[in-house]
mmCIF file of all heavy atoms, coordinates in Angstrom:
data_MODEL
# 
_entry.id   MODEL 
# 
loop_
_atom_site.group_PDB 
_atom_site.id 
_atom_site.type_symbol 
_atom_site.label_atom_id 
_atom_site.label_alt_id 
_atom_site.label_comp_id 
_atom_site.label_asym_id 
_atom_site.label_entity_id 
_atom_site.label_seq_id 
_atom_site.pdbx_PDB_ins_code 
_atom_site.Cartn_x 
_atom_site.Cartn_y 
_atom_site.Cartn_z 
_atom_site.occupancy 
_atom_site.B_iso_or_equiv 
_atom_site.pdbx_formal_charge 
_atom_site.auth_seq_id 
_atom_site.auth_comp_id 
_atom_site.auth_asym_id 
_atom_site.auth_atom_id 
_atom_site.pdbx_PDB_model_num 
ATOM 1   N N   . VAL A 1 1  ? 137.484 110.886 82.369 1.00 0.00 ? 1  VAL A N   1 
ATOM 2   C CA  . VAL A 1 1  ? 137.246 112.257 81.960 1.00 0.00 ? 1  VAL A CA  1 
ATOM 3   C C   . VAL A 1 1  ? 136.406 113.012 82.957 1.00 0.00 ? 1  VAL A C   1 
ATOM 4   O O   . VAL A 1 1  ? 136.013 114.153 82.755 1.00 0.00 ? 1  VAL A O   1 
ATOM 5   C CB  . VAL A 1 1  ? 136.526 112.321 80.570 1.00 0.00 ? 1  VAL A CB  1 
ATOM 6   C CG1 . VAL A 1 1  ? 137.447 111.754 79.507 1.00 0.00 ? 1  VAL A CG1 1 
ATOM 7   C CG2 . VAL A 1 1  ? 135.267 111.533 80.627 1.00 0.00 ? 1  VAL A CG2 1 
ATOM 8   N N   . ALA A 1 2  ? 136.189 112.413 84.148 1.00 0.00 ? 2  ALA A N   1 
ATOM 9   C CA  . ALA A 1 2  ? 135.272 113.020 85.094 1.00 0.00 ? 2  ALA A CA  1 
ATOM 10  C C   . ALA A 1 2  ? 135.717 114.369 85.558 1.00 0.00 ? 2  ALA A C   1 
ATOM 11  O O   . ALA A 1 2  ? 134.930 115.279 85.837 1.00 0.00 ? 2  ALA A O   1 
ATOM 12  C CB  . ALA A 1 2  ? 135.124 112.071 86.288 1.00 0.00 ? 2  ALA A CB  1 
ATOM 13  N N   . GLU A 1 3  ? 137.058 114.572 85.733 1.00 0.00 ? 3  GLU A N   1 
ATOM 14  C CA  . GLU A 1 3  ? 137.557 115.821 86.223 1.00 0.00 ? 3  GLU A CA  1 
ATOM 15  C C   . GLU A 1 3  ? 137.892 116.868 85.174 1.00 0.00 ? 3  GLU A C   1 
ATOM 16  O O   . GLU A 1 3  ? 138.313 117.977 85.429 1.00 0.00 ? 3  GLU A O   1 
ATOM 17  C CB  . GLU A 1 3  ? 138.775 115.589 87.106 1.00 0.00 ? 3  GLU A CB  1 
ATOM 18  C CG  . GLU A 1 3  ? 138.502 114.648 88.295 1.00 0.00 ? 3  GLU A CG  1 
ATOM 19  C CD  . GLU A 1 3  ? 137.422 115.137 89.223 1.00 0.00 ? 3  GLU A CD  1 
ATOM 20  O OE1 . GLU A 1 3  ? 137.407 116.447 89.441 1.00 0.00 ? 3  GLU A OE1 1 
ATOM 21  O OE2 . GLU A 1 3  ? 136.591 114.400 89.702 1.00 0.00 ? 3  GLU A OE2 1 
ATOM 22  N N   . SER A 1 4  ? 137.716 116.503 83.912 1.00 0.00 ? 4  SER A N   1 
ATOM 23  C CA  . SER A 1 4  ? 138.089 117.350 82.819 1.00 0.00 ? 4  SER A CA  1 
ATOM 24  C C   . SER A 1 4  ? 137.128 118.572 82.760 1.00 0.00 ? 4  SER A C   1 
ATOM 25  O O   . SER A 1 4  ? 135.885 118.409 82.857 1.00 0.00 ? 4  SER A O   1 
ATOM 26  C CB  . SER A 1 4  ? 138.036 116.606 81.503 1.00 0.00 ? 4  SER A CB  1 
ATOM 27  O OG  . SER A 1 4  ? 138.973 115.583 81.503 1.00 0.00 ? 4  SER A OG  1 
ATOM 28  N N   . LYS A 1 5  ? 137.604 119.770 82.515 1.00 0.00 ? 5  LYS A N   1 
ATOM 29  C CA  . LYS A 1 5  ? 136.837 120.953 82.452 1.00 0.00 ? 5  LYS A CA  1 
ATOM 30  C C   . LYS A 1 5  ? 136.427 121.301 81.040 1.00 0.00 ? 5  LYS A C   1 
ATOM 31  O O   . LYS A 1 5  ? 135.622 122.184 80.791 1.00 0.00 ? 5  LYS A O   1 
ATOM 32  C CB  . LYS A 1 5  ? 137.575 122.131 83.105 1.00 0.00 ? 5  LYS A CB  1 
ATOM 33  C CG  . LYS A 1 5  ? 137.803 121.984 84.641 1.00 0.00 ? 5  LYS A CG  1 
ATOM 34  C CD  . LYS A 1 5  ? 138.486 123.140 85.178 1.00 0.00 ? 5  LYS A CD  1 
ATOM 35  C CE  . LYS A 1 5  ? 138.628 123.072 86.770 1.00 0.00 ? 5  LYS A CE  1 
ATOM 36  N NZ  . LYS A 1 5  ? 139.305 121.817 87.222 1.00 0.00 ? 5  LYS A NZ  1 
ATOM 37  N N   . LYS A 1 6  ? 137.115 120.703 80.085 1.00 0.00 ? 6  LYS A N   1 
ATOM 38  C CA  . LYS A 1 6  ? 136.847 120.946 78.624 1.00 0.00 ? 6  LYS A CA  1 
ATOM 39  C C   . LYS A 1 6  ? 137.143 119.670 77.833 1.00 0.00 ? 6  LYS A C   1 
ATOM 40  O O   . LYS A 1 6  ? 137.835 118.717 78.412 1.00 0.00 ? 6  LYS A O   1 
ATOM 41  C CB  . LYS A 1 6  ? 137.647 122.083 78.154 1.00 0.00 ? 6  LYS A CB  1 
ATOM 42  C CG  . LYS A 1 6  ? 139.193 121.818 78.198 1.00 0.00 ? 6  LYS A CG  1 
ATOM 43  C CD  . LYS A 1 6  ? 139.949 123.103 77.856 1.00 0.00 ? 6  LYS A CD  1 
ATOM 44  C CE  . LYS A 1 6  ? 139.730 123.492 76.439 1.00 0.00 ? 6  LYS A CE  1 
ATOM 45  N NZ  . LYS A 1 6  ? 140.664 124.627 76.013 1.00 0.00 ? 6  LYS A NZ  1 
ATOM 46  N N   . ILE A 1 7  ? 136.607 119.603 76.676 1.00 0.00 ? 7  ILE A N   1 
ATOM 47  C CA  . ILE A 1 7  ? 136.880 118.424 75.815 1.00 0.00 ? 7  ILE A CA  1 
ATOM 48  C C   . ILE A 1 7  ? 138.057 118.698 74.925 1.00 0.00 ? 7  ILE A C   1 
ATOM 49  O O   . ILE A 1 7  ? 137.945 119.526 73.950 1.00 0.00 ? 7  ILE A O   1 
ATOM 50  C CB  . ILE A 1 7  ? 135.623 118.059 74.972 1.00 0.00 ? 7  ILE A CB  1 
ATOM 51  C CG1 . ILE A 1 7  ? 134.490 117.693 75.904 1.00 0.00 ? 7  ILE A CG1 1 
ATOM 52  C CG2 . ILE A 1 7  ? 135.983 116.908 73.999 1.00 0.00 ? 7  ILE A CG2 1 
ATOM 53  C CD1 . ILE A 1 7  ? 133.201 117.299 75.175 1.00 0.00 ? 7  ILE A CD1 1 
ATOM 54  N N   . GLY A 1 8  ? 139.198 118.177 75.270 1.00 0.00 ? 8  GLY A N   1 
ATOM 55  C CA  . GLY A 1 8  ? 140.356 118.298 74.382 1.00 0.00 ? 8  GLY A CA  1 
ATOM 56  C C   . GLY A 1 8  ? 140.601 116.988 73.668 1.00 0.00 ? 8  GLY A C   1 
ATOM 57  O O   . GLY A 1 8  ? 139.705 116.173 73.508 1.00 0.00 ? 8  GLY A O   1 
ATOM 58  N N   . GLU A 1 9  ? 141.837 116.812 73.177 1.00 0.00 ? 9  GLU A N   1 
ATOM 59  C CA  . GLU A 1 9  ? 142.154 115.635 72.366 1.00 0.00 ? 9  GLU A CA  1 
ATOM 60  C C   . GLU A 1 9  ? 142.030 114.329 73.109 1.00 0.00 ? 9  GLU A C   1 
ATOM 61  O O   . GLU A 1 9  ? 141.532 113.326 72.676 1.00 0.00 ? 9  GLU A O   1 
ATOM 62  C CB  . GLU A 1 9  ? 143.545 115.802 71.757 1.00 0.00 ? 9  GLU A CB  1 
ATOM 63  C CG  . GLU A 1 9  ? 143.618 116.896 70.687 1.00 0.00 ? 9  GLU A CG  1 
ATOM 64  C CD  . GLU A 1 9  ? 145.032 116.975 70.093 1.00 0.00 ? 9  GLU A CD  1 
ATOM 65  O OE1 . GLU A 1 9  ? 146.028 116.696 70.758 1.00 0.00 ? 9  GLU A OE1 1 
ATOM 66  O OE2 . GLU A 1 9  ? 145.090 117.381 68.872 1.00 0.00 ? 9  GLU A OE2 1 
ATOM 67  N N   . PHE A 1 10 ? 142.519 114.387 74.427 1.00 0.00 ? 10 PHE A N   1 
ATOM 68  C CA  . PHE A 1 10 ? 142.411 113.191 75.174 1.00 0.00 ? 10 PHE A CA  1 
ATOM 69  C C   . PHE A 1 10 ? 140.938 112.794 75.461 1.00 0.00 ? 10 PHE A C   1 
ATOM 70  O O   . PHE A 1 10 ? 140.601 111.624 75.297 1.00 0.00 ? 10 PHE A O   1 
ATOM 71  C CB  . PHE A 1 10 ? 143.135 113.415 76.590 1.00 0.00 ? 10 PHE A CB  1 
ATOM 72  C CG  . PHE A 1 10 ? 143.018 112.256 77.488 1.00 0.00 ? 10 PHE A CG  1 
ATOM 73  C CD1 . PHE A 1 10 ? 143.794 111.102 77.314 1.00 0.00 ? 10 PHE A CD1 1 
ATOM 74  C CD2 . PHE A 1 10 ? 142.080 112.322 78.522 1.00 0.00 ? 10 PHE A CD2 1 
ATOM 75  C CE1 . PHE A 1 10 ? 143.610 110.013 78.232 1.00 0.00 ? 10 PHE A CE1 1 
ATOM 76  C CE2 . PHE A 1 10 ? 141.935 111.209 79.367 1.00 0.00 ? 10 PHE A CE2 1 
ATOM 77  C CZ  . PHE A 1 10 ? 142.695 110.121 79.277 1.00 0.00 ? 10 PHE A CZ  1 
ATOM 78  N N   . GLU A 1 11 ? 140.171 113.770 75.817 1.00 0.00 ? 11 GLU A N   1 
ATOM 79  C CA  . GLU A 1 11 ? 138.762 113.497 76.114 1.00 0.00 ? 11 GLU A CA  1 
ATOM 80  C C   . GLU A 1 11 ? 138.034 112.968 74.896 1.00 0.00 ? 11 GLU A C   1 
ATOM 81  O O   . GLU A 1 11 ? 137.203 112.087 74.977 1.00 0.00 ? 11 GLU A O   1 
ATOM 82  C CB  . GLU A 1 11 ? 138.093 114.782 76.705 1.00 0.00 ? 11 GLU A CB  1 
ATOM 83  C CG  . GLU A 1 11 ? 138.433 115.148 78.053 1.00 0.00 ? 11 GLU A CG  1 
ATOM 84  C CD  . GLU A 1 11 ? 139.753 115.865 78.140 1.00 0.00 ? 11 GLU A CD  1 
ATOM 85  O OE1 . GLU A 1 11 ? 140.334 116.235 77.091 1.00 0.00 ? 11 GLU A OE1 1 
ATOM 86  O OE2 . GLU A 1 11 ? 140.174 116.187 79.298 1.00 0.00 ? 11 GLU A OE2 1 
ATOM 87  N N   . THR A 1 12 ? 138.366 113.581 73.693 1.00 0.00 ? 12 THR A N   1 
ATOM 88  C CA  . THR A 1 12 ? 137.766 113.141 72.495 1.00 0.00 ? 12 THR A CA  1 
ATOM 89  C C   . THR A 1 12 ? 138.048 111.617 72.281 1.00 0.00 ? 12 THR A C   1 
ATOM 90  O O   . THR A 1 12 ? 137.151 110.863 71.925 1.00 0.00 ? 12 THR A O   1 
ATOM 91  C CB  . THR A 1 12 ? 138.255 113.989 71.287 1.00 0.00 ? 12 THR A CB  1 
ATOM 92  O OG1 . THR A 1 12 ? 137.818 115.321 71.506 1.00 0.00 ? 12 THR A OG1 1 
ATOM 93  C CG2 . THR A 1 12 ? 137.690 113.423 70.000 1.00 0.00 ? 12 THR A CG2 1 
ATOM 94  N N   . ASP A 1 13 ? 139.342 111.281 72.418 1.00 0.00 ? 13 ASP A N   1 
ATOM 95  C CA  . ASP A 1 13 ? 139.813 109.879 72.289 1.00 0.00 ? 13 ASP A CA  1 
ATOM 96  C C   . ASP A 1 13 ? 139.012 108.986 73.191 1.00 0.00 ? 13 ASP A C   1 
ATOM 97  O O   . ASP A 1 13 ? 138.552 107.921 72.798 1.00 0.00 ? 13 ASP A O   1 
ATOM 98  C CB  . ASP A 1 13 ? 141.252 109.849 72.568 1.00 0.00 ? 13 ASP A CB  1 
ATOM 99  C CG  . ASP A 1 13 ? 141.855 108.467 72.134 1.00 0.00 ? 13 ASP A CG  1 
ATOM 100 O OD1 . ASP A 1 13 ? 141.683 108.026 70.998 1.00 0.00 ? 13 ASP A OD1 1 
ATOM 101 O OD2 . ASP A 1 13 ? 142.520 107.837 73.044 1.00 0.00 ? 13 ASP A OD2 1 
ATOM 102 N N   . VAL A 1 14 ? 138.882 109.357 74.505 1.00 0.00 ? 14 VAL A N   1 
ATOM 103 C CA  . VAL A 1 14 ? 138.184 108.525 75.483 1.00 0.00 ? 14 VAL A CA  1 
ATOM 104 C C   . VAL A 1 14 ? 136.718 108.398 75.109 1.00 0.00 ? 14 VAL A C   1 
ATOM 105 O O   . VAL A 1 14 ? 136.131 107.362 75.246 1.00 0.00 ? 14 VAL A O   1 
ATOM 106 C CB  . VAL A 1 14 ? 138.396 109.142 76.891 1.00 0.00 ? 14 VAL A CB  1 
ATOM 107 C CG1 . VAL A 1 14 ? 137.488 108.419 77.881 1.00 0.00 ? 14 VAL A CG1 1 
ATOM 108 C CG2 . VAL A 1 14 ? 139.823 108.989 77.342 1.00 0.00 ? 14 VAL A CG2 1 
ATOM 109 N N   . LEU A 1 15 ? 136.106 109.488 74.623 1.00 0.00 ? 15 LEU A N   1 
ATOM 110 C CA  . LEU A 1 15 ? 134.730 109.434 74.366 1.00 0.00 ? 15 LEU A CA  1 
ATOM 111 C C   . LEU A 1 15 ? 134.381 108.525 73.140 1.00 0.00 ? 15 LEU A C   1 
ATOM 112 O O   . LEU A 1 15 ? 133.410 107.881 73.069 1.00 0.00 ? 15 LEU A O   1 
ATOM 113 C CB  . LEU A 1 15 ? 134.163 110.862 74.015 1.00 0.00 ? 15 LEU A CB  1 
ATOM 114 C CG  . LEU A 1 15 ? 134.006 111.735 75.256 1.00 0.00 ? 15 LEU A CG  1 
ATOM 115 C CD1 . LEU A 1 15 ? 133.670 113.209 74.808 1.00 0.00 ? 15 LEU A CD1 1 
ATOM 116 C CD2 . LEU A 1 15 ? 132.942 111.247 76.191 1.00 0.00 ? 15 LEU A CD2 1 
ATOM 117 N N   . LYS A 1 16 ? 135.334 108.412 72.193 1.00 0.00 ? 16 LYS A N   1 
ATOM 118 C CA  . LYS A 1 16 ? 135.194 107.515 71.087 1.00 0.00 ? 16 LYS A CA  1 
ATOM 119 C C   . LYS A 1 16 ? 135.130 106.081 71.672 1.00 0.00 ? 16 LYS A C   1 
ATOM 120 O O   . LYS A 1 16 ? 134.306 105.354 71.213 1.00 0.00 ? 16 LYS A O   1 
ATOM 121 C CB  . LYS A 1 16 ? 136.337 107.677 70.115 1.00 0.00 ? 16 LYS A CB  1 
ATOM 122 C CG  . LYS A 1 16 ? 136.301 108.973 69.307 1.00 0.00 ? 16 LYS A CG  1 
ATOM 123 C CD  . LYS A 1 16 ? 137.550 109.066 68.467 1.00 0.00 ? 16 LYS A CD  1 
ATOM 124 C CE  . LYS A 1 16 ? 137.665 110.356 67.781 1.00 0.00 ? 16 LYS A CE  1 
ATOM 125 N NZ  . LYS A 1 16 ? 138.951 110.452 66.955 1.00 0.00 ? 16 LYS A NZ  1 
ATOM 126 N N   . TYR A 1 17 ? 136.088 105.788 72.503 1.00 0.00 ? 17 TYR A N   1 
ATOM 127 C CA  . TYR A 1 17 ? 136.072 104.415 73.116 1.00 0.00 ? 17 TYR A CA  1 
ATOM 128 C C   . TYR A 1 17 ? 134.796 104.194 73.887 1.00 0.00 ? 17 TYR A C   1 
ATOM 129 O O   . TYR A 1 17 ? 134.213 103.159 73.949 1.00 0.00 ? 17 TYR A O   1 
ATOM 130 C CB  . TYR A 1 17 ? 137.304 104.237 73.984 1.00 0.00 ? 17 TYR A CB  1 
ATOM 131 C CG  . TYR A 1 17 ? 138.534 103.847 73.261 1.00 0.00 ? 17 TYR A CG  1 
ATOM 132 C CD1 . TYR A 1 17 ? 139.606 104.807 73.108 1.00 0.00 ? 17 TYR A CD1 1 
ATOM 133 C CD2 . TYR A 1 17 ? 138.696 102.600 72.728 1.00 0.00 ? 17 TYR A CD2 1 
ATOM 134 C CE1 . TYR A 1 17 ? 140.769 104.426 72.429 1.00 0.00 ? 17 TYR A CE1 1 
ATOM 135 C CE2 . TYR A 1 17 ? 139.824 102.213 72.006 1.00 0.00 ? 17 TYR A CE2 1 
ATOM 136 C CZ  . TYR A 1 17 ? 140.813 103.170 71.836 1.00 0.00 ? 17 TYR A CZ  1 
ATOM 137 O OH  . TYR A 1 17 ? 141.973 102.753 71.139 1.00 0.00 ? 17 TYR A OH  1 
ATOM 138 N N   . ARG A 1 18 ? 134.366 105.280 74.671 1.00 0.00 ? 18 ARG A N   1 
ATOM 139 C CA  . ARG A 1 18 ? 133.161 105.050 75.508 1.00 0.00 ? 18 ARG A CA  1 
ATOM 140 C C   . ARG A 1 18 ? 131.919 104.800 74.561 1.00 0.00 ? 18 ARG A C   1 
ATOM 141 O O   . ARG A 1 18 ? 131.116 103.902 74.886 1.00 0.00 ? 18 ARG A O   1 
ATOM 142 C CB  . ARG A 1 18 ? 132.893 106.283 76.314 1.00 0.00 ? 18 ARG A CB  1 
ATOM 143 C CG  . ARG A 1 18 ? 131.791 106.081 77.362 1.00 0.00 ? 18 ARG A CG  1 
ATOM 144 C CD  . ARG A 1 18 ? 131.486 107.320 78.186 1.00 0.00 ? 18 ARG A CD  1 
ATOM 145 N NE  . ARG A 1 18 ? 130.599 108.263 77.467 1.00 0.00 ? 18 ARG A NE  1 
ATOM 146 C CZ  . ARG A 1 18 ? 130.212 109.423 77.945 1.00 0.00 ? 18 ARG A CZ  1 
ATOM 147 N NH1 . ARG A 1 18 ? 130.596 109.744 79.198 1.00 0.00 ? 18 ARG A NH1 1 
ATOM 148 N NH2 . ARG A 1 18 ? 129.385 110.222 77.264 1.00 0.00 ? 18 ARG A NH2 1 
ATOM 149 N N   . ALA A 1 19 ? 131.823 105.447 73.453 1.00 0.00 ? 19 ALA A N   1 
ATOM 150 C CA  . ALA A 1 19 ? 130.741 105.241 72.571 1.00 0.00 ? 19 ALA A CA  1 
ATOM 151 C C   . ALA A 1 19 ? 130.773 103.812 72.016 1.00 0.00 ? 19 ALA A C   1 
ATOM 152 O O   . ALA A 1 19 ? 129.742 103.160 71.917 1.00 0.00 ? 19 ALA A O   1 
ATOM 153 C CB  . ALA A 1 19 ? 130.809 106.192 71.420 1.00 0.00 ? 19 ALA A CB  1 
ATOM 154 N N   . GLU A 1 20 ? 131.926 103.304 71.757 1.00 0.00 ? 20 GLU A N   1 
ATOM 155 C CA  . GLU A 1 20 ? 132.067 101.916 71.207 1.00 0.00 ? 20 GLU A CA  1 
ATOM 156 C C   . GLU A 1 20 ? 131.570 100.950 72.292 1.00 0.00 ? 20 GLU A C   1 
ATOM 157 O O   . GLU A 1 20 ? 130.806 99.985  72.044 1.00 0.00 ? 20 GLU A O   1 
ATOM 158 C CB  . GLU A 1 20 ? 133.451 101.606 70.816 1.00 0.00 ? 20 GLU A CB  1 
ATOM 159 C CG  . GLU A 1 20 ? 133.590 100.175 70.245 1.00 0.00 ? 20 GLU A CG  1 
ATOM 160 C CD  . GLU A 1 20 ? 134.972 99.687  70.006 1.00 0.00 ? 20 GLU A CD  1 
ATOM 161 O OE1 . GLU A 1 20 ? 135.920 100.487 70.260 1.00 0.00 ? 20 GLU A OE1 1 
ATOM 162 O OE2 . GLU A 1 20 ? 135.141 98.517  69.543 1.00 0.00 ? 20 GLU A OE2 1 
ATOM 163 N N   . ALA A 1 21 ? 132.109 101.248 73.557 1.00 0.00 ? 21 ALA A N   1 
ATOM 164 C CA  . ALA A 1 21 ? 131.701 100.273 74.674 1.00 0.00 ? 21 ALA A CA  1 
ATOM 165 C C   . ALA A 1 21 ? 130.184 100.274 74.878 1.00 0.00 ? 21 ALA A C   1 
ATOM 166 O O   . ALA A 1 21 ? 129.580 99.286  75.155 1.00 0.00 ? 21 ALA A O   1 
ATOM 167 C CB  . ALA A 1 21 ? 132.449 100.664 75.855 1.00 0.00 ? 21 ALA A CB  1 
ATOM 168 N N   . GLU A 1 22 ? 129.623 101.422 74.825 1.00 0.00 ? 22 GLU A N   1 
ATOM 169 C CA  . GLU A 1 22 ? 128.150 101.556 75.046 1.00 0.00 ? 22 GLU A CA  1 
ATOM 170 C C   . GLU A 1 22 ? 127.402 100.868 73.956 1.00 0.00 ? 22 GLU A C   1 
ATOM 171 O O   . GLU A 1 22 ? 126.399 100.214 74.189 1.00 0.00 ? 22 GLU A O   1 
ATOM 172 C CB  . GLU A 1 22 ? 127.741 103.087 75.063 1.00 0.00 ? 22 GLU A CB  1 
ATOM 173 C CG  . GLU A 1 22 ? 128.225 103.827 76.366 1.00 0.00 ? 22 GLU A CG  1 
ATOM 174 C CD  . GLU A 1 22 ? 128.145 105.302 76.257 1.00 0.00 ? 22 GLU A CD  1 
ATOM 175 O OE1 . GLU A 1 22 ? 128.179 105.878 75.108 1.00 0.00 ? 22 GLU A OE1 1 
ATOM 176 O OE2 . GLU A 1 22 ? 128.076 105.939 77.336 1.00 0.00 ? 22 GLU A OE2 1 
ATOM 177 N N   . PHE A 1 23 ? 127.881 100.939 72.718 1.00 0.00 ? 23 PHE A N   1 
ATOM 178 C CA  . PHE A 1 23 ? 127.284 100.268 71.628 1.00 0.00 ? 23 PHE A CA  1 
ATOM 179 C C   . PHE A 1 23 ? 127.323 98.731  71.836 1.00 0.00 ? 23 PHE A C   1 
ATOM 180 O O   . PHE A 1 23 ? 126.400 98.033  71.609 1.00 0.00 ? 23 PHE A O   1 
ATOM 181 C CB  . PHE A 1 23 ? 127.927 100.650 70.297 1.00 0.00 ? 23 PHE A CB  1 
ATOM 182 C CG  . PHE A 1 23 ? 127.312 99.995  69.121 1.00 0.00 ? 23 PHE A CG  1 
ATOM 183 C CD1 . PHE A 1 23 ? 126.228 100.627 68.448 1.00 0.00 ? 23 PHE A CD1 1 
ATOM 184 C CD2 . PHE A 1 23 ? 127.677 98.751  68.574 1.00 0.00 ? 23 PHE A CD2 1 
ATOM 185 C CE1 . PHE A 1 23 ? 125.644 100.144 67.288 1.00 0.00 ? 23 PHE A CE1 1 
ATOM 186 C CE2 . PHE A 1 23 ? 127.084 98.179  67.462 1.00 0.00 ? 23 PHE A CE2 1 
ATOM 187 C CZ  . PHE A 1 23 ? 126.071 98.882  66.840 1.00 0.00 ? 23 PHE A CZ  1 
ATOM 188 N N   . LEU A 1 24 ? 128.528 98.290  72.151 1.00 0.00 ? 24 LEU A N   1 
ATOM 189 C CA  . LEU A 1 24 ? 128.685 96.852  72.354 1.00 0.00 ? 24 LEU A CA  1 
ATOM 190 C C   . LEU A 1 24 ? 127.946 96.333  73.612 1.00 0.00 ? 24 LEU A C   1 
ATOM 191 O O   . LEU A 1 24 ? 127.482 95.134  73.661 1.00 0.00 ? 24 LEU A O   1 
ATOM 192 C CB  . LEU A 1 24 ? 130.222 96.534  72.600 1.00 0.00 ? 24 LEU A CB  1 
ATOM 193 C CG  . LEU A 1 24 ? 131.064 96.768  71.364 1.00 0.00 ? 24 LEU A CG  1 
ATOM 194 C CD1 . LEU A 1 24 ? 132.508 96.580  71.765 1.00 0.00 ? 24 LEU A CD1 1 
ATOM 195 C CD2 . LEU A 1 24 ? 130.700 95.795  70.230 1.00 0.00 ? 24 LEU A CD2 1 
ATOM 196 N N   . LEU A 1 25 ? 127.597 97.266  74.504 1.00 0.00 ? 25 LEU A N   1 
ATOM 197 C CA  . LEU A 1 25 ? 126.725 96.977  75.663 1.00 0.00 ? 25 LEU A CA  1 
ATOM 198 C C   . LEU A 1 25 ? 125.290 96.964  75.242 1.00 0.00 ? 25 LEU A C   1 
ATOM 199 O O   . LEU A 1 25 ? 124.403 96.620  76.014 1.00 0.00 ? 25 LEU A O   1 
ATOM 200 C CB  . LEU A 1 25 ? 126.982 97.986  76.752 1.00 0.00 ? 25 LEU A CB  1 
ATOM 201 C CG  . LEU A 1 25 ? 126.377 97.758  78.131 1.00 0.00 ? 25 LEU A CG  1 
ATOM 202 C CD1 . LEU A 1 25 ? 126.885 96.426  78.744 1.00 0.00 ? 25 LEU A CD1 1 
ATOM 203 C CD2 . LEU A 1 25 ? 126.738 98.894  79.094 1.00 0.00 ? 25 LEU A CD2 1 
ATOM 204 N N   . LYS A 1 26 ? 125.005 97.393  74.017 1.00 0.00 ? 26 LYS A N   1 
ATOM 205 C CA  . LYS A 1 26 ? 123.674 97.543  73.447 1.00 0.00 ? 26 LYS A CA  1 
ATOM 206 C C   . LYS A 1 26 ? 122.864 98.643  74.154 1.00 0.00 ? 26 LYS A C   1 
ATOM 207 O O   . LYS A 1 26 ? 121.621 98.672  74.144 1.00 0.00 ? 26 LYS A O   1 
ATOM 208 C CB  . LYS A 1 26 ? 122.894 96.174  73.499 1.00 0.00 ? 26 LYS A CB  1 
ATOM 209 C CG  . LYS A 1 26 ? 123.549 95.088  72.699 1.00 0.00 ? 26 LYS A CG  1 
ATOM 210 C CD  . LYS A 1 26 ? 122.599 93.925  72.519 1.00 0.00 ? 26 LYS A CD  1 
ATOM 211 C CE  . LYS A 1 26 ? 123.395 92.765  71.754 1.00 0.00 ? 26 LYS A CE  1 
ATOM 212 N NZ  . LYS A 1 26 ? 123.750 93.154  70.446 1.00 0.00 ? 26 LYS A NZ  1 
ATOM 213 N N   . ASP A 1 27 ? 123.596 99.589  74.670 1.00 0.00 ? 27 ASP A N   1 
ATOM 214 C CA  . ASP A 1 27 ? 122.967 100.767 75.210 1.00 0.00 ? 27 ASP A CA  1 
ATOM 215 C C   . ASP A 1 27 ? 123.044 101.844 74.034 1.00 0.00 ? 27 ASP A C   1 
ATOM 216 O O   . ASP A 1 27 ? 123.823 102.758 74.148 1.00 0.00 ? 27 ASP A O   1 
ATOM 217 C CB  . ASP A 1 27 ? 123.642 101.304 76.471 1.00 0.00 ? 27 ASP A CB  1 
ATOM 218 C CG  . ASP A 1 27 ? 122.896 102.328 77.245 1.00 0.00 ? 27 ASP A CG  1 
ATOM 219 O OD1 . ASP A 1 27 ? 121.937 102.947 76.635 1.00 0.00 ? 27 ASP A OD1 1 
ATOM 220 O OD2 . ASP A 1 27 ? 123.216 102.660 78.357 1.00 0.00 ? 27 ASP A OD2 1 
ATOM 221 N N   . PHE A 1 28 ? 122.149 101.672 73.097 1.00 0.00 ? 28 PHE A N   1 
ATOM 222 C CA  . PHE A 1 28 ? 122.251 102.467 71.876 1.00 0.00 ? 28 PHE A CA  1 
ATOM 223 C C   . PHE A 1 28 ? 121.951 103.915 72.134 1.00 0.00 ? 28 PHE A C   1 
ATOM 224 O O   . PHE A 1 28 ? 122.488 104.818 71.482 1.00 0.00 ? 28 PHE A O   1 
ATOM 225 C CB  . PHE A 1 28 ? 121.315 101.880 70.821 1.00 0.00 ? 28 PHE A CB  1 
ATOM 226 C CG  . PHE A 1 28 ? 121.694 100.420 70.532 1.00 0.00 ? 28 PHE A CG  1 
ATOM 227 C CD1 . PHE A 1 28 ? 120.737 99.439  70.652 1.00 0.00 ? 28 PHE A CD1 1 
ATOM 228 C CD2 . PHE A 1 28 ? 122.934 100.113 70.093 1.00 0.00 ? 28 PHE A CD2 1 
ATOM 229 C CE1 . PHE A 1 28 ? 121.041 98.136  70.385 1.00 0.00 ? 28 PHE A CE1 1 
ATOM 230 C CE2 . PHE A 1 28 ? 123.238 98.826  69.796 1.00 0.00 ? 28 PHE A CE2 1 
ATOM 231 C CZ  . PHE A 1 28 ? 122.238 97.806  69.916 1.00 0.00 ? 28 PHE A CZ  1 
ATOM 232 N N   . ALA A 1 29 ? 121.080 104.159 73.096 1.00 0.00 ? 29 ALA A N   1 
ATOM 233 C CA  . ALA A 1 29 ? 120.725 105.540 73.432 1.00 0.00 ? 29 ALA A CA  1 
ATOM 234 C C   . ALA A 1 29 ? 121.947 106.287 73.975 1.00 0.00 ? 29 ALA A C   1 
ATOM 235 O O   . ALA A 1 29 ? 122.202 107.467 73.638 1.00 0.00 ? 29 ALA A O   1 
ATOM 236 C CB  . ALA A 1 29 ? 119.550 105.616 74.426 1.00 0.00 ? 29 ALA A CB  1 
# 
């Protein structure tokens, strides 16, 4: 999503996955 200029459906989907990965990494912040 680095080059995205706005948050659309694809970016939303990727951000959901990123949040899960960050949680599993125990980077809760």
